Amino acid sequence: MKGSSILSALAFVGASVAQTPEGFTPGTEQKLEVTFGTKSVTPGLALTKAETARQPTIGLSIPANGTYVWMMIDLDASTNFVNPGAGQPATYLHTVIRDFKASGAASADGITTLTSSAAGPVAYFGPAPPAENPPHPHRYTNILWEQPANWQIPAAASRMLQSQKSGFNVPNFVTAAGLSDPIAANYFNVTG
């Protein structure tokens, strides 16, 4: 009985923080709704490069009264894009877009779609993992932060966005950008 209670508690804890891949920080318990066309992303869903070529629609199932910053990062890139097996494992920043706001009332299923007229500071660059032998999925992690009022990207954070896409360090960016803990996240997999 005691053993099953412990297992149940561990399963609940694992499920409550599973919006980002295991070991990724910062984490959050709230799911970021990510939709490519008609495919709604559940954490770890396998998608193709073609399905993810266009920027997804994002949303929240919690009140969306603020302004938000969205990031997408590949956790399984290589420092060698031509021959990934010869490089070192590295993250790769795909996008950071600011000024997301609720685009209207929540849908019947309780999801509020977020939209932004901004194209950056890092425009959307869809997943494009190279063919690898053996093939392995790349985990594309989507993170949403509340954007501080009157937010201007600090110089140190701006430099990171423009010059450190390979090997991008999310916790360092959060600190440099003056962001707090993320409010929602999700991830999907794409294999080259």
N, C-alpha and C. Protein backbone atom coordinates (compact mmCIF):
# COMPACT_ATOMS: atom_id res chain seq x y z
N MET A 1 0.83 -1.19 0.00
CA MET A 1 0.00 0.00 0.00
C MET A 1 0.87 1.24 0.00
N LYS A 2 1.86 1.28 0.92
CA LYS A 2 2.75 2.44 1.01
C LYS A 2 3.53 2.60 -0.29
N GLY A 3 4.00 1.47 -0.87
CA GLY A 3 4.74 1.51 -2.13
C GLY A 3 3.91 2.06 -3.27
N SER A 4 2.63 1.66 -3.34
CA SER A 4 1.78 2.16 -4.42
C SER A 4 1.49 3.65 -4.24
N SER A 5 1.41 4.13 -3.01
CA SER A 5 1.20 5.56 -2.76
C SER A 5 2.40 6.37 -3.22
N ILE A 6 3.59 5.84 -2.95
CA ILE A 6 4.82 6.52 -3.40
C ILE A 6 4.88 6.55 -4.91
N LEU A 7 4.58 5.43 -5.57
CA LEU A 7 4.58 5.39 -7.02
C LEU A 7 3.55 6.35 -7.61
N SER A 8 2.38 6.42 -7.02
CA SER A 8 1.35 7.35 -7.49
C SER A 8 1.82 8.79 -7.35
N ALA A 9 2.46 9.10 -6.24
CA ALA A 9 2.96 10.46 -6.02
C ALA A 9 4.05 10.80 -7.03
N LEU A 10 4.96 9.85 -7.29
CA LEU A 10 6.02 10.09 -8.27
C LEU A 10 5.45 10.26 -9.66
N ALA A 11 4.45 9.47 -10.02
CA ALA A 11 3.82 9.61 -11.34
C ALA A 11 3.16 10.97 -11.48
N PHE A 12 2.50 11.45 -10.41
CA PHE A 12 1.87 12.76 -10.45
C PHE A 12 2.91 13.86 -10.62
N VAL A 13 3.99 13.78 -9.88
CA VAL A 13 5.06 14.79 -9.99
C VAL A 13 5.63 14.77 -11.39
N GLY A 14 5.89 13.58 -11.94
CA GLY A 14 6.43 13.49 -13.29
C GLY A 14 5.49 14.09 -14.32
N ALA A 15 4.19 13.83 -14.16
CA ALA A 15 3.21 14.37 -15.11
C ALA A 15 3.06 15.87 -14.96
N SER A 16 3.23 16.38 -13.76
CA SER A 16 2.99 17.80 -13.54
C SER A 16 4.12 18.68 -14.08
N VAL A 17 5.29 18.12 -14.31
CA VAL A 17 6.39 18.94 -14.83
C VAL A 17 6.81 18.48 -16.22
N ALA A 18 6.01 17.67 -16.87
CA ALA A 18 6.38 17.09 -18.15
C ALA A 18 6.09 17.98 -19.35
N GLN A 19 5.96 19.28 -19.16
CA GLN A 19 5.71 20.18 -20.29
C GLN A 19 7.00 20.48 -21.05
N THR A 20 8.14 20.18 -20.43
CA THR A 20 9.44 20.31 -21.09
C THR A 20 10.15 18.96 -20.97
N PRO A 21 11.12 18.70 -21.84
CA PRO A 21 11.84 17.42 -21.76
C PRO A 21 12.57 17.26 -20.42
N GLU A 22 12.77 16.02 -20.02
CA GLU A 22 13.46 15.72 -18.78
C GLU A 22 14.83 16.40 -18.76
N GLY A 23 15.14 17.05 -17.66
CA GLY A 23 16.42 17.71 -17.48
C GLY A 23 16.49 19.13 -17.98
N PHE A 24 15.49 19.59 -18.74
CA PHE A 24 15.52 20.95 -19.27
C PHE A 24 15.10 21.94 -18.20
N THR A 25 15.84 23.05 -18.13
CA THR A 25 15.45 24.15 -17.25
C THR A 25 15.48 25.43 -18.05
N PRO A 26 14.58 26.33 -17.76
CA PRO A 26 13.57 26.31 -16.70
C PRO A 26 12.35 25.49 -17.11
N GLY A 27 11.70 24.90 -16.13
CA GLY A 27 10.51 24.10 -16.39
C GLY A 27 9.26 24.78 -15.85
N THR A 28 8.13 24.24 -16.24
CA THR A 28 6.84 24.75 -15.76
C THR A 28 5.82 23.64 -15.84
N GLU A 29 4.79 23.75 -15.03
CA GLU A 29 3.72 22.75 -15.03
C GLU A 29 2.62 23.07 -16.04
N GLN A 30 2.54 24.32 -16.49
CA GLN A 30 1.45 24.75 -17.38
C GLN A 30 1.78 24.43 -18.84
N LYS A 31 0.85 23.81 -19.52
CA LYS A 31 1.04 23.48 -20.94
C LYS A 31 0.80 24.70 -21.81
N LEU A 32 1.76 24.96 -22.70
CA LEU A 32 1.59 25.95 -23.75
C LEU A 32 0.89 25.23 -24.89
N GLU A 33 -0.24 25.74 -25.32
CA GLU A 33 -0.95 25.14 -26.45
C GLU A 33 -0.21 25.53 -27.73
N VAL A 34 0.29 24.54 -28.46
CA VAL A 34 1.02 24.75 -29.71
C VAL A 34 0.30 23.94 -30.78
N THR A 35 -0.07 24.61 -31.87
CA THR A 35 -0.83 23.93 -32.93
C THR A 35 -0.20 24.24 -34.28
N PHE A 36 0.12 23.20 -35.03
CA PHE A 36 0.59 23.32 -36.41
C PHE A 36 -0.55 22.88 -37.31
N GLY A 37 -1.19 23.82 -37.99
CA GLY A 37 -2.35 23.49 -38.81
C GLY A 37 -3.46 22.96 -37.93
N THR A 38 -3.78 21.67 -38.09
CA THR A 38 -4.82 21.06 -37.26
C THR A 38 -4.24 20.12 -36.20
N LYS A 39 -2.90 20.05 -36.13
CA LYS A 39 -2.27 19.15 -35.15
C LYS A 39 -1.91 19.89 -33.87
N SER A 40 -2.57 19.49 -32.80
CA SER A 40 -2.30 20.06 -31.49
C SER A 40 -1.17 19.26 -30.84
N VAL A 41 -0.16 19.97 -30.37
CA VAL A 41 1.03 19.32 -29.81
C VAL A 41 0.79 18.88 -28.38
N THR A 42 1.05 17.60 -28.14
CA THR A 42 1.15 17.09 -26.78
C THR A 42 2.63 16.90 -26.52
N PRO A 43 3.10 17.04 -25.30
CA PRO A 43 4.54 16.93 -25.05
C PRO A 43 5.15 15.67 -25.63
N GLY A 44 6.16 15.86 -26.50
CA GLY A 44 6.87 14.75 -27.12
C GLY A 44 6.30 14.25 -28.43
N LEU A 45 5.23 14.90 -28.95
CA LEU A 45 4.61 14.47 -30.21
C LEU A 45 5.64 14.49 -31.34
N ALA A 46 5.64 13.46 -32.19
CA ALA A 46 6.51 13.40 -33.36
C ALA A 46 5.83 14.12 -34.53
N LEU A 47 6.54 15.07 -35.12
CA LEU A 47 6.06 15.81 -36.28
C LEU A 47 7.14 15.77 -37.37
N THR A 48 6.78 16.18 -38.58
CA THR A 48 7.74 16.23 -39.68
C THR A 48 8.22 17.67 -39.90
N LYS A 49 9.30 17.79 -40.67
CA LYS A 49 9.79 19.13 -41.03
C LYS A 49 8.71 19.89 -41.80
N ALA A 50 8.03 19.20 -42.71
CA ALA A 50 6.98 19.86 -43.50
C ALA A 50 5.85 20.37 -42.61
N GLU A 51 5.46 19.58 -41.62
CA GLU A 51 4.37 19.99 -40.73
C GLU A 51 4.73 21.19 -39.87
N THR A 52 6.01 21.39 -39.62
CA THR A 52 6.46 22.46 -38.72
C THR A 52 7.14 23.61 -39.46
N ALA A 53 7.02 23.63 -40.78
CA ALA A 53 7.70 24.66 -41.58
C ALA A 53 7.14 26.06 -41.31
N ARG A 54 5.87 26.15 -41.03
CA ARG A 54 5.24 27.46 -40.75
C ARG A 54 5.09 27.65 -39.25
N GLN A 55 5.16 28.89 -38.82
CA GLN A 55 5.04 29.21 -37.39
C GLN A 55 3.72 28.67 -36.85
N PRO A 56 3.76 28.04 -35.68
CA PRO A 56 2.53 27.50 -35.11
C PRO A 56 1.66 28.60 -34.49
N THR A 57 0.45 28.22 -34.18
CA THR A 57 -0.43 29.05 -33.37
C THR A 57 -0.17 28.64 -31.93
N ILE A 58 -0.08 29.62 -31.03
CA ILE A 58 0.11 29.29 -29.62
C ILE A 58 -1.05 29.85 -28.81
N GLY A 59 -1.27 29.25 -27.65
CA GLY A 59 -2.37 29.70 -26.79
C GLY A 59 -2.21 29.20 -25.38
N LEU A 60 -3.12 29.66 -24.53
CA LEU A 60 -3.11 29.30 -23.11
C LEU A 60 -4.49 28.85 -22.66
N SER A 61 -4.51 27.92 -21.71
CA SER A 61 -5.77 27.49 -21.12
C SER A 61 -5.97 28.13 -19.74
N ILE A 62 -5.14 29.11 -19.42
CA ILE A 62 -5.26 29.91 -18.20
C ILE A 62 -5.54 31.34 -18.64
N PRO A 63 -5.99 32.22 -17.74
CA PRO A 63 -6.24 33.61 -18.15
C PRO A 63 -5.02 34.22 -18.82
N ALA A 64 -5.24 34.85 -19.96
CA ALA A 64 -4.16 35.45 -20.76
C ALA A 64 -4.36 36.95 -20.80
N ASN A 65 -4.06 37.61 -19.69
CA ASN A 65 -4.30 39.05 -19.57
C ASN A 65 -3.07 39.90 -19.82
N GLY A 66 -1.94 39.27 -20.08
CA GLY A 66 -0.69 40.02 -20.21
C GLY A 66 -0.16 40.06 -21.61
N THR A 67 1.12 40.39 -21.69
CA THR A 67 1.88 40.39 -22.93
C THR A 67 2.99 39.37 -22.72
N TYR A 68 3.33 38.61 -23.78
CA TYR A 68 4.18 37.45 -23.61
C TYR A 68 5.31 37.39 -24.63
N VAL A 69 6.38 36.67 -24.25
CA VAL A 69 7.53 36.39 -25.11
C VAL A 69 7.56 34.88 -25.33
N TRP A 70 7.68 34.45 -26.60
CA TRP A 70 7.71 33.03 -26.96
C TRP A 70 9.06 32.67 -27.55
N MET A 71 9.60 31.54 -27.13
CA MET A 71 10.87 31.03 -27.65
C MET A 71 10.70 29.58 -28.09
N MET A 72 11.43 29.22 -29.16
CA MET A 72 11.54 27.82 -29.55
C MET A 72 13.02 27.50 -29.73
N ILE A 73 13.46 26.40 -29.10
CA ILE A 73 14.87 26.02 -29.14
C ILE A 73 14.99 24.52 -29.39
N ASP A 74 15.97 24.14 -30.21
CA ASP A 74 16.29 22.73 -30.48
C ASP A 74 17.30 22.30 -29.42
N LEU A 75 16.95 21.30 -28.64
CA LEU A 75 17.85 20.83 -27.58
C LEU A 75 18.85 19.79 -28.08
N ASP A 76 18.73 19.34 -29.33
CA ASP A 76 19.54 18.22 -29.82
C ASP A 76 20.31 18.55 -31.09
N ALA A 77 20.72 19.79 -31.25
CA ALA A 77 21.51 20.19 -32.42
C ALA A 77 22.97 19.75 -32.22
N SER A 78 23.77 20.03 -33.21
CA SER A 78 25.19 19.71 -33.16
C SER A 78 25.99 20.96 -33.53
N THR A 79 27.21 21.03 -33.06
CA THR A 79 28.07 22.16 -33.44
C THR A 79 28.56 22.01 -34.87
N ASN A 80 28.34 20.85 -35.49
CA ASN A 80 28.73 20.61 -36.87
C ASN A 80 27.48 20.33 -37.69
N PHE A 81 27.00 21.34 -38.43
CA PHE A 81 25.75 21.17 -39.17
C PHE A 81 25.92 20.27 -40.40
N VAL A 82 27.12 20.20 -40.97
CA VAL A 82 27.37 19.38 -42.16
C VAL A 82 27.45 17.91 -41.79
N ASN A 83 28.14 17.61 -40.69
CA ASN A 83 28.30 16.23 -40.24
C ASN A 83 28.00 16.20 -38.74
N PRO A 84 26.71 16.13 -38.37
CA PRO A 84 26.33 16.23 -36.96
C PRO A 84 27.06 15.26 -36.03
N GLY A 85 27.35 14.06 -36.51
CA GLY A 85 28.03 13.08 -35.68
C GLY A 85 29.44 13.48 -35.31
N ALA A 86 30.04 14.36 -36.10
CA ALA A 86 31.41 14.81 -35.83
C ALA A 86 31.44 16.02 -34.90
N GLY A 87 30.29 16.59 -34.62
CA GLY A 87 30.23 17.76 -33.74
C GLY A 87 29.90 17.39 -32.31
N GLN A 88 29.84 18.40 -31.48
CA GLN A 88 29.45 18.24 -30.09
C GLN A 88 27.95 18.54 -29.95
N PRO A 89 27.26 17.89 -29.01
CA PRO A 89 25.85 18.23 -28.79
C PRO A 89 25.71 19.70 -28.39
N ALA A 90 24.70 20.35 -28.90
CA ALA A 90 24.48 21.76 -28.60
C ALA A 90 23.01 22.10 -28.79
N THR A 91 22.58 23.15 -28.13
CA THR A 91 21.25 23.69 -28.36
C THR A 91 21.32 24.62 -29.58
N TYR A 92 20.17 24.90 -30.17
CA TYR A 92 20.12 25.87 -31.26
C TYR A 92 18.84 26.68 -31.13
N LEU A 93 19.00 28.00 -31.03
CA LEU A 93 17.86 28.90 -30.90
C LEU A 93 17.17 29.06 -32.25
N HIS A 94 15.87 28.78 -32.29
CA HIS A 94 15.10 28.91 -33.53
C HIS A 94 14.29 30.19 -33.59
N THR A 95 13.71 30.62 -32.50
CA THR A 95 12.91 31.84 -32.55
C THR A 95 12.71 32.43 -31.16
N VAL A 96 12.58 33.75 -31.16
CA VAL A 96 12.11 34.50 -29.99
C VAL A 96 11.24 35.61 -30.55
N ILE A 97 9.97 35.58 -30.19
CA ILE A 97 9.05 36.62 -30.67
C ILE A 97 8.36 37.24 -29.46
N ARG A 98 8.31 38.55 -29.46
CA ARG A 98 7.75 39.30 -28.34
C ARG A 98 6.34 39.79 -28.65
N ASP A 99 5.73 40.40 -27.66
CA ASP A 99 4.45 41.11 -27.80
C ASP A 99 3.25 40.23 -28.13
N PHE A 100 3.26 38.98 -27.69
CA PHE A 100 2.06 38.14 -27.86
C PHE A 100 1.00 38.59 -26.87
N LYS A 101 -0.25 38.68 -27.37
CA LYS A 101 -1.40 39.03 -26.53
C LYS A 101 -2.59 38.17 -26.93
N ALA A 102 -3.58 38.09 -26.05
CA ALA A 102 -4.80 37.36 -26.36
C ALA A 102 -5.46 37.99 -27.58
N SER A 103 -5.92 37.14 -28.50
CA SER A 103 -6.54 37.65 -29.71
C SER A 103 -8.06 37.69 -29.62
N GLY A 104 -8.59 37.41 -28.47
CA GLY A 104 -10.04 37.42 -28.28
C GLY A 104 -10.39 36.56 -27.09
N ALA A 105 -11.66 36.22 -27.00
CA ALA A 105 -12.14 35.39 -25.89
C ALA A 105 -11.67 33.95 -26.06
N ALA A 106 -11.68 33.21 -25.00
CA ALA A 106 -11.30 31.80 -25.03
C ALA A 106 -12.29 31.02 -25.90
N SER A 107 -11.80 29.98 -26.54
CA SER A 107 -12.64 29.11 -27.36
C SER A 107 -13.53 28.25 -26.45
N ALA A 108 -14.38 27.47 -27.07
CA ALA A 108 -15.29 26.61 -26.30
C ALA A 108 -14.52 25.62 -25.43
N ASP A 109 -13.30 25.24 -25.86
CA ASP A 109 -12.51 24.31 -25.05
C ASP A 109 -11.58 25.04 -24.07
N GLY A 110 -11.77 26.35 -23.90
CA GLY A 110 -11.05 27.11 -22.88
C GLY A 110 -9.66 27.59 -23.28
N ILE A 111 -9.35 27.56 -24.56
CA ILE A 111 -8.02 27.98 -25.03
C ILE A 111 -8.11 29.41 -25.58
N THR A 112 -7.23 30.27 -25.10
CA THR A 112 -7.11 31.63 -25.63
C THR A 112 -5.93 31.66 -26.57
N THR A 113 -6.18 32.00 -27.84
CA THR A 113 -5.12 32.10 -28.83
C THR A 113 -4.35 33.39 -28.60
N LEU A 114 -3.02 33.29 -28.72
CA LEU A 114 -2.14 34.45 -28.60
C LEU A 114 -1.59 34.81 -29.96
N THR A 115 -1.55 36.10 -30.26
CA THR A 115 -0.99 36.55 -31.53
C THR A 115 -0.04 37.71 -31.27
N SER A 116 0.84 37.93 -32.23
CA SER A 116 1.80 39.03 -32.16
C SER A 116 1.99 39.60 -33.55
N SER A 117 2.13 40.92 -33.63
CA SER A 117 2.45 41.54 -34.91
C SER A 117 3.96 41.68 -35.07
N ALA A 118 4.71 41.31 -34.03
CA ALA A 118 6.17 41.36 -34.11
C ALA A 118 6.70 40.15 -34.88
N ALA A 119 7.85 40.30 -35.48
CA ALA A 119 8.48 39.20 -36.20
C ALA A 119 9.79 38.79 -35.52
N GLY A 120 10.02 39.25 -34.34
CA GLY A 120 11.28 38.94 -33.69
C GLY A 120 11.29 39.42 -32.26
N PRO A 121 12.45 39.46 -31.71
CA PRO A 121 13.75 39.77 -32.29
C PRO A 121 14.41 38.66 -33.10
N VAL A 122 13.96 37.41 -33.00
CA VAL A 122 14.48 36.33 -33.84
C VAL A 122 13.29 35.71 -34.55
N ALA A 123 13.19 35.95 -35.86
CA ALA A 123 12.06 35.46 -36.65
C ALA A 123 11.99 33.94 -36.64
N TYR A 124 10.79 33.41 -36.87
CA TYR A 124 10.59 31.97 -36.86
C TYR A 124 11.45 31.29 -37.91
N PHE A 125 12.15 30.26 -37.50
CA PHE A 125 12.96 29.41 -38.35
C PHE A 125 12.54 27.98 -38.01
N GLY A 126 11.82 27.36 -38.92
CA GLY A 126 11.26 26.04 -38.65
C GLY A 126 12.29 24.96 -38.43
N PRO A 127 11.90 23.88 -37.77
CA PRO A 127 12.80 22.76 -37.54
C PRO A 127 13.37 22.21 -38.84
N ALA A 128 14.66 21.96 -38.85
CA ALA A 128 15.33 21.43 -40.04
C ALA A 128 16.49 20.53 -39.65
N PRO A 129 16.23 19.53 -38.80
CA PRO A 129 17.35 18.67 -38.41
C PRO A 129 17.89 17.91 -39.62
N PRO A 130 19.21 17.78 -39.71
CA PRO A 130 19.77 17.04 -40.85
C PRO A 130 19.53 15.54 -40.69
N ALA A 131 19.63 14.83 -41.81
CA ALA A 131 19.54 13.36 -41.75
C ALA A 131 20.73 12.86 -40.95
N GLU A 132 20.46 11.94 -40.04
CA GLU A 132 21.52 11.39 -39.20
C GLU A 132 21.44 9.88 -39.23
N ASN A 133 22.59 9.23 -39.05
CA ASN A 133 22.63 7.78 -39.05
C ASN A 133 23.31 7.33 -37.77
N PRO A 134 22.60 6.73 -36.83
CA PRO A 134 21.17 6.42 -36.92
C PRO A 134 20.32 7.68 -36.71
N PRO A 135 19.10 7.67 -37.25
CA PRO A 135 18.22 8.83 -37.07
C PRO A 135 17.88 9.02 -35.58
N HIS A 136 17.81 10.24 -35.16
CA HIS A 136 17.34 10.49 -33.79
C HIS A 136 16.52 11.77 -33.77
N PRO A 137 15.47 11.77 -32.96
CA PRO A 137 14.60 12.95 -32.91
C PRO A 137 15.27 14.12 -32.21
N HIS A 138 14.98 15.31 -32.72
CA HIS A 138 15.40 16.55 -32.07
C HIS A 138 14.20 17.06 -31.28
N ARG A 139 14.45 17.47 -30.03
CA ARG A 139 13.37 17.97 -29.17
C ARG A 139 13.31 19.49 -29.30
N TYR A 140 12.19 19.98 -29.84
CA TYR A 140 11.97 21.41 -30.03
C TYR A 140 11.10 21.90 -28.88
N THR A 141 11.71 22.69 -28.01
CA THR A 141 11.05 23.13 -26.79
C THR A 141 10.53 24.55 -26.96
N ASN A 142 9.26 24.73 -26.64
CA ASN A 142 8.57 26.02 -26.75
C ASN A 142 8.32 26.53 -25.34
N ILE A 143 8.72 27.77 -25.09
CA ILE A 143 8.61 28.34 -23.75
C ILE A 143 7.94 29.71 -23.87
N LEU A 144 7.08 30.03 -22.90
CA LEU A 144 6.38 31.31 -22.89
C LEU A 144 6.62 32.01 -21.55
N TRP A 145 7.02 33.27 -21.64
CA TRP A 145 7.23 34.10 -20.45
C TRP A 145 6.29 35.29 -20.49
N GLU A 146 5.92 35.78 -19.33
CA GLU A 146 5.22 37.06 -19.26
C GLU A 146 6.26 38.13 -19.58
N GLN A 147 5.91 39.02 -20.48
CA GLN A 147 6.80 40.11 -20.89
C GLN A 147 6.63 41.28 -19.94
N PRO A 148 7.71 41.75 -19.32
CA PRO A 148 7.58 42.89 -18.40
C PRO A 148 7.01 44.13 -19.11
N ALA A 149 6.31 44.96 -18.36
CA ALA A 149 5.75 46.21 -18.91
C ALA A 149 6.88 47.07 -19.47
N ASN A 150 6.62 47.70 -20.60
CA ASN A 150 7.59 48.59 -21.26
C ASN A 150 8.94 47.92 -21.50
N TRP A 151 8.91 46.63 -21.77
CA TRP A 151 10.14 45.84 -21.91
C TRP A 151 10.93 46.24 -23.14
N GLN A 152 12.15 46.57 -22.93
CA GLN A 152 13.13 46.77 -23.99
C GLN A 152 14.20 45.70 -23.77
N ILE A 153 14.58 45.01 -24.81
CA ILE A 153 15.54 43.92 -24.65
C ILE A 153 16.88 44.50 -24.24
N PRO A 154 17.39 44.12 -23.07
CA PRO A 154 18.69 44.61 -22.63
C PRO A 154 19.79 44.23 -23.62
N ALA A 155 20.83 45.04 -23.69
CA ALA A 155 21.91 44.84 -24.65
C ALA A 155 22.54 43.45 -24.56
N ALA A 156 22.77 42.96 -23.35
CA ALA A 156 23.40 41.64 -23.20
C ALA A 156 22.50 40.54 -23.77
N ALA A 157 21.20 40.63 -23.53
CA ALA A 157 20.26 39.64 -24.07
C ALA A 157 20.18 39.76 -25.59
N SER A 158 20.19 40.97 -26.10
CA SER A 158 20.14 41.19 -27.55
C SER A 158 21.37 40.58 -28.23
N ARG A 159 22.54 40.76 -27.64
CA ARG A 159 23.76 40.16 -28.21
C ARG A 159 23.65 38.64 -28.25
N MET A 160 23.10 38.05 -27.19
CA MET A 160 22.93 36.59 -27.18
C MET A 160 22.02 36.14 -28.32
N LEU A 161 20.93 36.86 -28.54
CA LEU A 161 19.97 36.49 -29.57
C LEU A 161 20.58 36.57 -30.97
N GLN A 162 21.47 37.51 -31.18
CA GLN A 162 22.03 37.73 -32.51
C GLN A 162 23.29 36.92 -32.78
N SER A 163 24.05 36.57 -31.75
CA SER A 163 25.34 35.95 -32.02
C SER A 163 25.57 34.59 -31.35
N GLN A 164 24.64 34.11 -30.57
CA GLN A 164 24.87 32.86 -29.84
C GLN A 164 23.76 31.84 -30.09
N LYS A 165 23.27 31.74 -31.31
CA LYS A 165 22.17 30.81 -31.58
C LYS A 165 22.60 29.36 -31.32
N SER A 166 23.81 28.98 -31.76
CA SER A 166 24.32 27.65 -31.48
C SER A 166 24.90 27.66 -30.07
N GLY A 167 24.47 26.69 -29.27
CA GLY A 167 24.91 26.66 -27.87
C GLY A 167 24.16 27.64 -27.00
N PHE A 168 22.97 28.05 -27.44
CA PHE A 168 22.19 29.05 -26.71
C PHE A 168 21.85 28.55 -25.31
N ASN A 169 22.07 29.41 -24.31
CA ASN A 169 21.84 29.06 -22.91
C ASN A 169 20.59 29.78 -22.42
N VAL A 170 19.50 29.05 -22.27
CA VAL A 170 18.21 29.65 -21.89
C VAL A 170 18.27 30.31 -20.51
N PRO A 171 18.77 29.64 -19.46
CA PRO A 171 18.82 30.32 -18.15
C PRO A 171 19.63 31.62 -18.17
N ASN A 172 20.75 31.65 -18.92
CA ASN A 172 21.53 32.89 -19.02
C ASN A 172 20.72 33.98 -19.73
N PHE A 173 19.98 33.59 -20.77
CA PHE A 173 19.15 34.56 -21.48
C PHE A 173 18.06 35.12 -20.57
N VAL A 174 17.40 34.25 -19.81
CA VAL A 174 16.33 34.69 -18.90
C VAL A 174 16.87 35.76 -17.95
N THR A 175 18.04 35.51 -17.38
CA THR A 175 18.66 36.48 -16.47
C THR A 175 19.00 37.77 -17.21
N ALA A 176 19.67 37.66 -18.36
CA ALA A 176 20.08 38.86 -19.12
C ALA A 176 18.88 39.66 -19.60
N ALA A 177 17.78 38.98 -19.92
CA ALA A 177 16.58 39.65 -20.45
C ALA A 177 15.68 40.20 -19.36
N GLY A 178 15.94 39.85 -18.11
CA GLY A 178 15.09 40.33 -17.01
C GLY A 178 13.73 39.66 -16.98
N LEU A 179 13.67 38.41 -17.43
CA LEU A 179 12.41 37.67 -17.41
C LEU A 179 12.31 36.87 -16.12
N SER A 180 11.10 36.51 -15.75
CA SER A 180 10.90 35.67 -14.57
C SER A 180 10.73 34.23 -15.02
N ASP A 181 10.21 33.38 -14.16
CA ASP A 181 9.99 31.98 -14.52
C ASP A 181 8.99 31.89 -15.68
N PRO A 182 9.14 30.90 -16.55
CA PRO A 182 8.17 30.75 -17.64
C PRO A 182 6.79 30.42 -17.09
N ILE A 183 5.78 30.80 -17.85
CA ILE A 183 4.41 30.50 -17.41
C ILE A 183 3.84 29.27 -18.10
N ALA A 184 4.41 28.88 -19.25
CA ALA A 184 3.91 27.70 -19.96
C ALA A 184 5.00 27.20 -20.90
N ALA A 185 4.90 25.91 -21.25
CA ALA A 185 5.86 25.30 -22.17
C ALA A 185 5.25 24.07 -22.81
N ASN A 186 5.94 23.58 -23.83
CA ASN A 186 5.55 22.37 -24.53
C ASN A 186 6.73 21.97 -25.41
N TYR A 187 6.76 20.74 -25.88
CA TYR A 187 7.81 20.35 -26.82
C TYR A 187 7.31 19.27 -27.77
N PHE A 188 7.96 19.22 -28.92
CA PHE A 188 7.65 18.20 -29.92
C PHE A 188 8.96 17.70 -30.50
N ASN A 189 8.91 16.59 -31.21
CA ASN A 189 10.09 15.98 -31.80
C ASN A 189 10.01 16.02 -33.33
N VAL A 190 11.16 16.27 -33.96
CA VAL A 190 11.28 16.18 -35.43
C VAL A 190 12.57 15.42 -35.70
N THR A 191 12.49 14.43 -36.59
CA THR A 191 13.66 13.65 -36.97
C THR A 191 14.07 14.03 -38.38
N GLY A 192 15.37 14.18 -38.59
CA GLY A 192 15.90 14.57 -39.92
C GLY A 192 15.81 13.46 -40.92
